[in-house]
Amino acid sequence: MAKNNEYCIFISAKRKENVDKFKELLYDKVKEIHAVRYSHNNYLYELTLSAWCRA
């Protein structure tokens, strides 16, 4: 999977490794898609990652 030049993060739920990195990457990708689909609506950008994770 990592050889495909795609975004790939190996996480361990048991050891809780790279979970934060996964959340950051997921948030960034969702933010990019949101900016394209809803360019007139920028409410997502006001949230920080920490605020998003608490919600």
Protein backbone atom coordinates (compact mmCIF):
# COMPACT_ATOMS: atom_id res chain seq x y z
CA MET A 1 0.00 0.00 0.00
CA ALA A 2 2.72 2.47 0.88
CA LYS A 3 4.35 1.93 -2.53
CA ASN A 4 1.33 3.29 -4.44
CA ASN A 5 2.21 6.95 -3.70
CA GLU A 6 -1.12 7.27 -1.93
CA TYR A 7 -1.64 8.50 1.59
CA CYS A 8 -0.94 5.60 3.86
CA ILE A 9 -0.58 5.67 7.62
CA PHE A 10 -0.06 2.55 9.65
CA ILE A 11 -1.89 2.87 12.95
CA SER A 12 -2.18 0.70 16.02
CA ALA A 13 -5.42 0.97 17.93
CA LYS A 14 -4.03 -1.23 20.68
CA ARG A 15 -0.92 0.91 21.24
CA LYS A 16 -2.58 4.11 20.01
CA GLU A 17 0.26 4.82 17.60
CA ASN A 18 -0.17 7.35 14.77
CA VAL A 19 -3.82 7.97 15.62
CA ASP A 20 -3.20 11.71 15.91
CA LYS A 21 -1.38 11.74 12.57
CA PHE A 22 -4.35 9.93 11.03
CA LYS A 23 -6.79 12.49 12.44
CA GLU A 24 -4.72 15.37 11.07
CA LEU A 25 -4.46 13.83 7.60
CA LEU A 26 -8.18 13.03 7.55
CA TYR A 27 -9.09 16.56 8.63
CA ASP A 28 -6.83 18.09 5.97
CA LYS A 29 -8.31 15.93 3.21
CA VAL A 30 -11.89 16.70 4.29
CA LYS A 31 -10.99 20.39 4.39
CA GLU A 32 -9.65 20.22 0.80
CA ILE A 33 -12.79 18.48 -0.47
CA HIS A 34 -15.00 20.92 1.41
CA ALA A 35 -13.19 23.90 -0.12
CA VAL A 36 -13.84 22.57 -3.63
CA ARG A 37 -17.47 21.54 -3.15
CA TYR A 38 -18.60 24.44 -0.98
CA SER A 39 -16.29 27.28 -1.94
CA HIS A 40 -18.87 29.88 -0.83
CA ASN A 41 -19.06 28.42 2.70
CA ASN A 42 -15.95 28.75 4.87
CA TYR A 43 -17.31 27.80 8.29
CA LEU A 44 -15.13 24.68 8.38
CA TYR A 45 -11.93 26.71 8.36
CA GLU A 46 -12.78 28.37 11.66
CA LEU A 47 -12.54 25.06 13.48
CA THR A 48 -9.17 23.84 14.60
CA LEU A 49 -8.30 20.19 14.66
CA SER A 50 -8.50 20.08 18.45
CA ALA A 51 -11.98 21.62 18.41
CA TRP A 52 -13.06 19.17 15.72
CA CYS A 53 -11.85 16.17 17.69
CA ARG A 54 -13.76 17.28 20.80
CA ALA A 55 -17.04 17.59 18.88
